[in-house]
Amino acid sequence: TGVTMSPTTATISQNSGGAIQLNATVQGTGLYNPNVTYAITSTTPASTQGAVVDETGLLTIDAGSSLTKVGVTATSVGDPSKTTRCTVTVSA
């Protein structure tokens, strides 16, 4: 079992209240849980204020946010040791 993310890197603009859809996929054989959880795991500067990722992988950056980078990790529900990550650059 493994997890992949698309895209793995992206750039969005915070001036328009940017958003990007992230898509994580679990691969496996036999019976496995295809679900993932999304979480913001790092930001620059180090504060998650102004960034939200929902259960579908939609990452939204508030307009006027001071964030310049946001890291989002998707974790396999069936095997939490399997993760993947996307780094999003936030442009002005």
PDB file of N, CA and C in Angstrom:
ATOM      1  N   THR A   1       0.852  -1.186   0.000  1.00  0.00           N
ATOM      2  CA  THR A   1       0.000   0.000   0.000  1.00  0.00           C
ATOM      3  C   THR A   1       0.882   1.227   0.000  1.00  0.00           C
ATOM      4  N   GLY A   2       0.487   2.231  -0.770  1.00  0.00           N
ATOM      5  CA  GLY A   2       1.210   3.491  -0.808  1.00  0.00           C
ATOM      6  C   GLY A   2       0.239   4.625  -1.074  1.00  0.00           C
ATOM      7  N   VAL A   3       0.714   5.845  -0.890  1.00  0.00           N
ATOM      8  CA  VAL A   3      -0.115   7.025  -1.106  1.00  0.00           C
ATOM      9  C   VAL A   3       0.628   7.973  -2.031  1.00  0.00           C
ATOM     10  N   THR A   4      -0.067   8.510  -3.039  1.00  0.00           N
ATOM     11  CA  THR A   4       0.510   9.527  -3.914  1.00  0.00           C
ATOM     12  C   THR A   4      -0.372  10.761  -3.889  1.00  0.00           C
ATOM     13  N   MET A   5       0.241  11.910  -4.168  1.00  0.00           N
ATOM     14  CA  MET A   5      -0.477  13.185  -4.163  1.00  0.00           C
ATOM     15  C   MET A   5      -0.282  13.861  -5.502  1.00  0.00           C
ATOM     16  N   SER A   6      -1.338  14.518  -5.963  1.00  0.00           N
ATOM     17  CA  SER A   6      -1.257  15.322  -7.170  1.00  0.00           C
ATOM     18  C   SER A   6      -1.935  16.654  -6.897  1.00  0.00           C
ATOM     19  N   PRO A   7      -1.253  17.762  -7.104  1.00  0.00           N
ATOM     20  CA  PRO A   7       0.163  17.869  -7.451  1.00  0.00           C
ATOM     21  C   PRO A   7       1.035  17.693  -6.211  1.00  0.00           C
ATOM     22  N   THR A   8       2.356  17.589  -6.414  1.00  0.00           N
ATOM     23  CA  THR A   8       3.276  17.511  -5.272  1.00  0.00           C
ATOM     24  C   THR A   8       3.850  18.878  -4.940  1.00  0.00           C
ATOM     25  N   THR A   9       3.825  19.792  -5.909  1.00  0.00           N
ATOM     26  CA  THR A   9       4.181  21.188  -5.666  1.00  0.00           C
ATOM     27  C   THR A   9       3.212  22.049  -6.455  1.00  0.00           C
ATOM     28  N   ALA A  10       2.921  23.241  -5.940  1.00  0.00           N
ATOM     29  CA  ALA A  10       1.998  24.144  -6.621  1.00  0.00           C
ATOM     30  C   ALA A  10       2.239  25.558  -6.133  1.00  0.00           C
ATOM     31  N   THR A  11       1.719  26.524  -6.886  1.00  0.00           N
ATOM     32  CA  THR A  11       1.765  27.926  -6.491  1.00  0.00           C
ATOM     33  C   THR A  11       0.363  28.494  -6.610  1.00  0.00           C
ATOM     34  N   ILE A  12      -0.075  29.216  -5.571  1.00  0.00           N
ATOM     35  CA  ILE A  12      -1.358  29.900  -5.633  1.00  0.00           C
ATOM     36  C   ILE A  12      -1.186  31.335  -5.153  1.00  0.00           C
ATOM     37  N   SER A  13      -2.097  32.192  -5.567  1.00  0.00           N
ATOM     38  CA  SER A  13      -2.056  33.603  -5.187  1.00  0.00           C
ATOM     39  C   SER A  13      -2.951  33.837  -3.988  1.00  0.00           C
ATOM     40  N   GLN A  14      -2.432  34.513  -2.965  1.00  0.00           N
ATOM     41  CA  GLN A  14      -3.237  34.807  -1.790  1.00  0.00           C
ATOM     42  C   GLN A  14      -4.048  36.082  -1.951  1.00  0.00           C
ATOM     43  N   ASN A  15      -3.727  36.918  -2.942  1.00  0.00           N
ATOM     44  CA  ASN A  15      -4.469  38.167  -3.112  1.00  0.00           C
ATOM     45  C   ASN A  15      -5.934  37.926  -3.432  1.00  0.00           C
ATOM     46  N   SER A  16      -6.233  36.871  -4.146  1.00  0.00           N
ATOM     47  CA  SER A  16      -7.618  36.579  -4.509  1.00  0.00           C
ATOM     48  C   SER A  16      -8.240  35.548  -3.573  1.00  0.00           C
ATOM     49  N   GLY A  17      -7.592  35.293  -2.439  1.00  0.00           N
ATOM     50  CA  GLY A  17      -8.074  34.232  -1.548  1.00  0.00           C
ATOM     51  C   GLY A  17      -7.921  32.892  -2.230  1.00  0.00           C
ATOM     52  N   GLY A  18      -6.696  32.559  -2.588  1.00  0.00           N
ATOM     53  CA  GLY A  18      -6.396  31.402  -3.428  1.00  0.00           C
ATOM     54  C   GLY A  18      -6.833  30.076  -2.851  1.00  0.00           C
ATOM     55  N   ALA A  19      -7.104  29.144  -3.754  1.00  0.00           N
ATOM     56  CA  ALA A  19      -7.470  27.786  -3.357  1.00  0.00           C
ATOM     57  C   ALA A  19      -6.928  26.821  -4.405  1.00  0.00           C
ATOM     58  N   ILE A  20      -6.612  25.616  -3.958  1.00  0.00           N
ATOM     59  CA  ILE A  20      -6.148  24.569  -4.869  1.00  0.00           C
ATOM     60  C   ILE A  20      -6.683  23.240  -4.379  1.00  0.00           C
ATOM     61  N   GLN A  21      -7.090  22.405  -5.324  1.00  0.00           N
ATOM     62  CA  GLN A  21      -7.587  21.068  -4.990  1.00  0.00           C
ATOM     63  C   GLN A  21      -6.430  20.082  -5.032  1.00  0.00           C
ATOM     64  N   LEU A  22      -6.148  19.438  -3.903  1.00  0.00           N
ATOM     65  CA  LEU A  22      -5.131  18.403  -3.824  1.00  0.00           C
ATOM     66  C   LEU A  22      -5.833  17.048  -3.874  1.00  0.00           C
ATOM     67  N   ASN A  23      -5.209  16.094  -4.548  1.00  0.00           N
ATOM     68  CA  ASN A  23      -5.812  14.775  -4.688  1.00  0.00           C
ATOM     69  C   ASN A  23      -4.813  13.707  -4.274  1.00  0.00           C
ATOM     70  N   ALA A  24      -5.118  13.031  -3.180  1.00  0.00           N
ATOM     71  CA  ALA A  24      -4.279  11.918  -2.727  1.00  0.00           C
ATOM     72  C   ALA A  24      -4.971  10.620  -3.080  1.00  0.00           C
ATOM     73  N   THR A  25      -4.172   9.642  -3.512  1.00  0.00           N
ATOM     74  CA  THR A  25      -4.692   8.343  -3.906  1.00  0.00           C
ATOM     75  C   THR A  25      -3.927   7.258  -3.164  1.00  0.00           C
ATOM     76  N   VAL A  26      -4.671   6.305  -2.618  1.00  0.00           N
ATOM     77  CA  VAL A  26      -4.069   5.150  -1.955  1.00  0.00           C
ATOM     78  C   VAL A  26      -4.031   4.015  -2.967  1.00  0.00           C
ATOM     79  N   GLN A  27      -2.852   3.409  -3.150  1.00  0.00           N
ATOM     80  CA  GLN A  27      -2.719   2.235  -4.003  1.00  0.00           C
ATOM     81  C   GLN A  27      -2.477   1.016  -3.122  1.00  0.00           C
ATOM     82  N   GLY A  28      -3.041  -0.083  -3.530  1.00  0.00           N
ATOM     83  CA  GLY A  28      -2.826  -1.310  -2.777  1.00  0.00           C
ATOM     84  C   GLY A  28      -3.395  -2.494  -3.537  1.00  0.00           C
ATOM     85  N   THR A  29      -3.215  -3.670  -2.977  1.00  0.00           N
ATOM     86  CA  THR A  29      -3.779  -4.877  -3.570  1.00  0.00           C
ATOM     87  C   THR A  29      -4.662  -5.544  -2.528  1.00  0.00           C
ATOM     88  N   GLY A  30      -5.602  -6.331  -2.991  1.00  0.00           N
ATOM     89  CA  GLY A  30      -6.505  -6.991  -2.059  1.00  0.00           C
ATOM     90  C   GLY A  30      -7.424  -5.975  -1.405  1.00  0.00           C
ATOM     91  N   LEU A  31      -7.826  -6.258  -0.199  1.00  0.00           N
ATOM     92  CA  LEU A  31      -8.696  -5.346   0.531  1.00  0.00           C
ATOM     93  C   LEU A  31      -7.852  -4.286   1.224  1.00  0.00           C
ATOM     94  N   TYR A  32      -8.148  -3.017   0.936  1.00  0.00           N
ATOM     95  CA  TYR A  32      -7.469  -1.924   1.619  1.00  0.00           C
ATOM     96  C   TYR A  32      -8.409  -0.731   1.677  1.00  0.00           C
ATOM     97  N   ASN A  33      -8.167   0.146   2.627  1.00  0.00           N
ATOM     98  CA  ASN A  33      -8.983   1.341   2.810  1.00  0.00           C
ATOM     99  C   ASN A  33      -8.462   2.432   1.879  1.00  0.00           C
ATOM    100  N   PRO A  34      -9.275   2.940   0.947  1.00  0.00           N
ATOM    101  CA  PRO A  34      -8.814   3.946  -0.004  1.00  0.00           C
ATOM    102  C   PRO A  34      -8.862   5.377   0.531  1.00  0.00           C
ATOM    103  N   ASN A  35      -9.275   5.558   1.775  1.00  0.00           N
ATOM    104  CA  ASN A  35      -9.463   6.905   2.314  1.00  0.00           C
ATOM    105  C   ASN A  35      -8.183   7.497   2.890  1.00  0.00           C
ATOM    106  N   VAL A  36      -8.106   8.831   2.848  1.00  0.00           N
ATOM    107  CA  VAL A  36      -6.980   9.561   3.427  1.00  0.00           C
ATOM    108  C   VAL A  36      -7.519  10.699   4.282  1.00  0.00           C
ATOM    109  N   THR A  37      -6.657  11.184   5.170  1.00  0.00           N
ATOM    110  CA  THR A  37      -6.944  12.419   5.894  1.00  0.00           C
ATOM    111  C   THR A  37      -5.906  13.440   5.470  1.00  0.00           C
ATOM    112  N   TYR A  38      -6.332  14.688   5.352  1.00  0.00           N
ATOM    113  CA  TYR A  38      -5.451  15.786   4.966  1.00  0.00           C
ATOM    114  C   TYR A  38      -5.181  16.657   6.184  1.00  0.00           C
ATOM    115  N   ALA A  39      -3.950  17.147   6.296  1.00  0.00           N
ATOM    116  CA  ALA A  39      -3.607  18.045   7.397  1.00  0.00           C
ATOM    117  C   ALA A  39      -2.515  19.006   6.951  1.00  0.00           C
ATOM    118  N   ILE A  40      -2.588  20.230   7.446  1.00  0.00           N
ATOM    119  CA  ILE A  40      -1.501  21.187   7.235  1.00  0.00           C
ATOM    120  C   ILE A  40      -0.421  20.828   8.233  1.00  0.00           C
ATOM    121  N   THR A  41       0.780  20.523   7.732  1.00  0.00           N
ATOM    122  CA  THR A  41       1.847  20.054   8.614  1.00  0.00           C
ATOM    123  C   THR A  41       2.998  21.036   8.744  1.00  0.00           C
ATOM    124  N   SER A  42       3.041  22.055   7.874  1.00  0.00           N
ATOM    125  CA  SER A  42       4.073  23.078   8.029  1.00  0.00           C
ATOM    126  C   SER A  42       3.642  24.333   7.282  1.00  0.00           C
ATOM    127  N   THR A  43       4.083  25.457   7.798  1.00  0.00           N
ATOM    128  CA  THR A  43       3.848  26.729   7.123  1.00  0.00           C
ATOM    129  C   THR A  43       5.049  27.631   7.299  1.00  0.00           C
ATOM    130  N   THR A  44       5.212  28.563   6.374  1.00  0.00           N
ATOM    131  CA  THR A  44       6.215  29.616   6.497  1.00  0.00           C
ATOM    132  C   THR A  44       5.487  30.935   6.332  1.00  0.00           C
ATOM    133  N   PRO A  45       5.490  31.829   7.324  1.00  0.00           N
ATOM    134  CA  PRO A  45       6.041  31.636   8.674  1.00  0.00           C
ATOM    135  C   PRO A  45       5.289  30.551   9.442  1.00  0.00           C
ATOM    136  N   ALA A  46       5.855  30.144  10.564  1.00  0.00           N
ATOM    137  CA  ALA A  46       5.356  28.981  11.304  1.00  0.00           C
ATOM    138  C   ALA A  46       4.060  29.287  12.052  1.00  0.00           C
ATOM    139  N   SER A  47       2.984  29.401  11.301  1.00  0.00           N
ATOM    140  CA  SER A  47       1.657  29.593  11.872  1.00  0.00           C
ATOM    141  C   SER A  47       0.660  29.135  10.822  1.00  0.00           C
ATOM    142  N   THR A  48      -0.308  28.322  11.213  1.00  0.00           N
ATOM    143  CA  THR A  48      -1.282  27.861  10.230  1.00  0.00           C
ATOM    144  C   THR A  48      -2.415  28.862  10.039  1.00  0.00           C
ATOM    145  N   GLN A  49      -2.335  29.991  10.711  1.00  0.00           N
ATOM    146  CA  GLN A  49      -3.389  30.990  10.555  1.00  0.00           C
ATOM    147  C   GLN A  49      -3.453  31.459   9.106  1.00  0.00           C
ATOM    148  N   GLY A  50      -4.637  31.421   8.540  1.00  0.00           N
ATOM    149  CA  GLY A  50      -4.804  31.859   7.163  1.00  0.00           C
ATOM    150  C   GLY A  50      -4.813  30.738   6.155  1.00  0.00           C
ATOM    151  N   ALA A  51      -4.628  29.488   6.611  1.00  0.00           N
ATOM    152  CA  ALA A  51      -4.647  28.335   5.705  1.00  0.00           C
ATOM    153  C   ALA A  51      -5.564  27.262   6.282  1.00  0.00           C
ATOM    154  N   VAL A  52      -6.400  26.694   5.415  1.00  0.00           N
ATOM    155  CA  VAL A  52      -7.310  25.626   5.831  1.00  0.00           C
ATOM    156  C   VAL A  52      -7.337  24.571   4.743  1.00  0.00           C
ATOM    157  N   VAL A  53      -7.262  23.295   5.144  1.00  0.00           N
ATOM    158  CA  VAL A  53      -7.454  22.195   4.195  1.00  0.00           C
ATOM    159  C   VAL A  53      -8.639  21.379   4.700  1.00  0.00           C
ATOM    160  N   ASP A  54      -9.597  21.112   3.789  1.00  0.00           N
ATOM    161  CA  ASP A  54     -10.776  20.362   4.219  1.00  0.00           C
ATOM    162  C   ASP A  54     -10.599  18.870   3.961  1.00  0.00           C
ATOM    163  N   GLU A  55     -11.640  18.091   4.270  1.00  0.00           N
ATOM    164  CA  GLU A  55     -11.543  16.631   4.171  1.00  0.00           C
ATOM    165  C   GLU A  55     -11.434  16.137   2.740  1.00  0.00           C
ATOM    166  N   THR A  56     -11.732  17.002   1.748  1.00  0.00           N
ATOM    167  CA  THR A  56     -11.610  16.602   0.348  1.00  0.00           C
ATOM    168  C   THR A  56     -10.261  16.965  -0.256  1.00  0.00           C
ATOM    169  N   GLY A  57      -9.421  17.682   0.522  1.00  0.00           N
ATOM    170  CA  GLY A  57      -8.118  18.103   0.020  1.00  0.00           C
ATOM    171  C   GLY A  57      -8.110  19.491  -0.583  1.00  0.00           C
ATOM    172  N   LEU A  58      -9.180  20.271  -0.387  1.00  0.00           N
ATOM    173  CA  LEU A  58      -9.220  21.642  -0.887  1.00  0.00           C
ATOM    174  C   LEU A  58      -8.475  22.542   0.088  1.00  0.00           C
ATOM    175  N   LEU A  59      -7.352  23.105  -0.375  1.00  0.00           N
ATOM    176  CA  LEU A  59      -6.546  24.014   0.437  1.00  0.00           C
ATOM    177  C   LEU A  59      -6.931  25.436   0.075  1.00  0.00           C
ATOM    178  N   THR A  60      -7.289  26.225   1.085  1.00  0.00           N
ATOM    179  CA  THR A  60      -7.677  27.616   0.880  1.00  0.00           C
ATOM    180  C   THR A  60      -6.765  28.516   1.695  1.00  0.00           C
ATOM    181  N   ILE A  61      -6.270  29.579   1.046  1.00  0.00           N
ATOM    182  CA  ILE A  61      -5.438  30.585   1.701  1.00  0.00           C
ATOM    183  C   ILE A  61      -6.247  31.872   1.775  1.00  0.00           C
ATOM    184  N   ASP A  62      -6.360  32.436   2.973  1.00  0.00           N
ATOM    185  CA  ASP A  62      -7.101  33.684   3.134  1.00  0.00           C
ATOM    186  C   ASP A  62      -6.429  34.823   2.386  1.00  0.00           C
ATOM    187  N   ALA A  63      -7.243  35.681   1.780  1.00  0.00           N
ATOM    188  CA  ALA A  63      -6.719  36.884   1.134  1.00  0.00           C
ATOM    189  C   ALA A  63      -5.994  37.724   2.186  1.00  0.00           C
ATOM    190  N   GLY A  64      -4.828  38.222   1.858  1.00  0.00           N
ATOM    191  CA  GLY A  64      -4.055  39.035   2.788  1.00  0.00           C
ATOM    192  C   GLY A  64      -3.226  38.246   3.778  1.00  0.00           C
ATOM    193  N   SER A  65      -3.226  36.921   3.679  1.00  0.00           N
ATOM    194  CA  SER A  65      -2.438  36.087   4.579  1.00  0.00           C
ATOM    195  C   SER A  65      -0.954  36.379   4.395  1.00  0.00           C
ATOM    196  N   SER A  66      -0.175  36.240   5.468  1.00  0.00           N
ATOM    197  CA  SER A  66       1.274  36.454   5.386  1.00  0.00           C
ATOM    198  C   SER A  66       2.030  35.164   5.058  1.00  0.00           C
ATOM    199  N   LEU A  67       1.322  34.065   4.833  1.00  0.00           N
ATOM    200  CA  LEU A  67       1.981  32.796   4.531  1.00  0.00           C
ATOM    201  C   LEU A  67       2.687  32.851   3.181  1.00  0.00           C
ATOM    202  N   THR A  68       3.869  32.220   3.118  1.00  0.00           N
ATOM    203  CA  THR A  68       4.593  32.113   1.856  1.00  0.00           C
ATOM    204  C   THR A  68       4.714  30.666   1.384  1.00  0.00           C
ATOM    205  N   LYS A  69       4.627  29.713   2.309  1.00  0.00           N
ATOM    206  CA  LYS A  69       4.644  28.285   1.961  1.00  0.00           C
ATOM    207  C   LYS A  69       3.731  27.533   2.915  1.00  0.00           C
ATOM    208  N   VAL A  70       3.060  26.510   2.358  1.00  0.00           N
ATOM    209  CA  VAL A  70       2.191  25.654   3.164  1.00  0.00           C
ATOM    210  C   VAL A  70       2.467  24.206   2.762  1.00  0.00           C
ATOM    211  N   GLY A  71       2.737  23.359   3.744  1.00  0.00           N
ATOM    212  CA  GLY A  71       2.911  21.928   3.497  1.00  0.00           C
ATOM    213  C   GLY A  71       1.672  21.183   3.939  1.00  0.00           C
ATOM    214  N   VAL A  72       1.140  20.351   3.042  1.00  0.00           N
ATOM    215  CA  VAL A  72      -0.041  19.549   3.350  1.00  0.00           C
ATOM    216  C   VAL A  72       0.346  18.076   3.230  1.00  0.00           C
ATOM    217  N   THR A  73      -0.011  17.293   4.245  1.00  0.00           N
ATOM    218  CA  THR A  73       0.263  15.862   4.237  1.00  0.00           C
ATOM    219  C   THR A  73      -1.054  15.097   4.166  1.00  0.00           C
ATOM    220  N   ALA A  74      -1.074  14.088   3.311  1.00  0.00           N
ATOM    221  CA  ALA A  74      -2.204  13.160   3.249  1.00  0.00           C
ATOM    222  C   ALA A  74      -1.740  11.845   3.860  1.00  0.00           C
ATOM    223  N   THR A  75      -2.544  11.310   4.763  1.00  0.00           N
ATOM    224  CA  THR A  75      -2.201  10.084   5.481  1.00  0.00           C
ATOM    225  C   THR A  75      -3.246   9.018   5.196  1.00  0.00           C
ATOM    226  N   SER A  76      -2.793   7.822   4.878  1.00  0.00           N
ATOM    227  CA  SER A  76      -3.701   6.695   4.652  1.00  0.00           C
ATOM    228  C   SER A  76      -4.445   6.372   5.942  1.00  0.00           C
ATOM    229  N   VAL A  77      -5.776   6.247   5.851  1.00  0.00           N
ATOM    230  CA  VAL A  77      -6.579   5.886   7.017  1.00  0.00           C
ATOM    231  C   VAL A  77      -6.289   4.444   7.429  1.00  0.00           C
ATOM    232  N   GLY A  78      -6.125   3.554   6.445  1.00  0.00           N
ATOM    233  CA  GLY A  78      -5.894   2.144   6.734  1.00  0.00           C
ATOM    234  C   GLY A  78      -4.504   1.832   7.249  1.00  0.00           C
ATOM    235  N   ASP A  79      -3.507   2.634   6.846  1.00  0.00           N
ATOM    236  CA  ASP A  79      -2.124   2.419   7.271  1.00  0.00           C
ATOM    237  C   ASP A  79      -1.473   3.780   7.484  1.00  0.00           C
ATOM    238  N   PRO A  80      -1.620   4.361   8.698  1.00  0.00           N
ATOM    239  CA  PRO A  80      -1.121   5.710   8.970  1.00  0.00           C
ATOM    240  C   PRO A  80       0.384   5.891   8.782  1.00  0.00           C
ATOM    241  N   SER A  81       1.130   4.792   8.575  1.00  0.00           N
ATOM    242  CA  SER A  81       2.562   4.942   8.309  1.00  0.00           C
ATOM    243  C   SER A  81       2.802   5.384   6.864  1.00  0.00           C
ATOM    244  N   LYS A  82       1.765   5.340   6.028  1.00  0.00           N
ATOM    245  CA  LYS A  82       1.882   5.726   4.619  1.00  0.00           C
ATOM    246  C   LYS A  82       1.364   7.142   4.437  1.00  0.00           C
ATOM    247  N   THR A  83       2.250   8.040   4.025  1.00  0.00           N
ATOM    248  CA  THR A  83       1.885   9.438   3.843  1.00  0.00           C
ATOM    249  C   THR A  83       2.472   9.972   2.542  1.00  0.00           C
ATOM    250  N   THR A  84       1.962  11.097   2.118  1.00  0.00           N
ATOM    251  CA  THR A  84       2.514  11.829   0.993  1.00  0.00           C
ATOM    252  C   THR A  84       2.329  13.304   1.285  1.00  0.00           C
ATOM    253  N   ARG A  85       3.057  14.147   0.556  1.00  0.00           N
ATOM    254  CA  ARG A  85       3.089  15.560   0.909  1.00  0.00           C
ATOM    255  C   ARG A  85       3.049  16.433  -0.338  1.00  0.00           C
ATOM    256  N   CYS A  86       2.452  17.610  -0.189  1.00  0.00           N
ATOM    257  CA  CYS A  86       2.461  18.643  -1.212  1.00  0.00           C
ATOM    258  C   CYS A  86       2.962  19.925  -0.583  1.00  0.00           C
ATOM    259  N   THR A  87       3.848  20.623  -1.279  1.00  0.00           N
ATOM    260  CA  THR A  87       4.314  21.933  -0.830  1.00  0.00           C
ATOM    261  C   THR A  87       3.738  22.990  -1.757  1.00  0.00           C
ATOM    262  N   VAL A  88       2.998  23.935  -1.165  1.00  0.00           N
ATOM    263  CA  VAL A  88       2.341  24.989  -1.930  1.00  0.00           C
ATOM    264  C   VAL A  88       3.020  26.314  -1.613  1.00  0.00           C
ATOM    265  N   THR A  89       3.494  26.991  -2.664  1.00  0.00           N
ATOM    266  CA  THR A  89       4.064  28.328  -2.533  1.00  0.00           C
ATOM    267  C   THR A  89       2.928  29.334  -2.691  1.00  0.00           C
ATOM    268  N   VAL A  90       2.861  30.288  -1.762  1.00  0.00           N
ATOM    269  CA  VAL A  90       1.820  31.307  -1.797  1.00  0.00           C
ATOM    270  C   VAL A  90       2.446  32.587  -2.330  1.00  0.00           C
ATOM    271  N   SER A  91       1.945  33.048  -3.478  1.00  0.00           N
ATOM    272  CA  SER A  91       2.486  34.263  -4.083  1.00  0.00           C
ATOM    273  C   SER A  91       1.610  35.444  -3.730  1.00  0.00           C
ATOM    274  N   ALA A  92       2.193  36.631  -3.787  1.00  0.00           N
ATOM    275  CA  ALA A  92       1.454  37.853  -3.456  1.00  0.00           C
ATOM    276  C   ALA A  92       0.512  38.233  -4.574  1.00  0.00           C
TER     277      ALA A  92
END
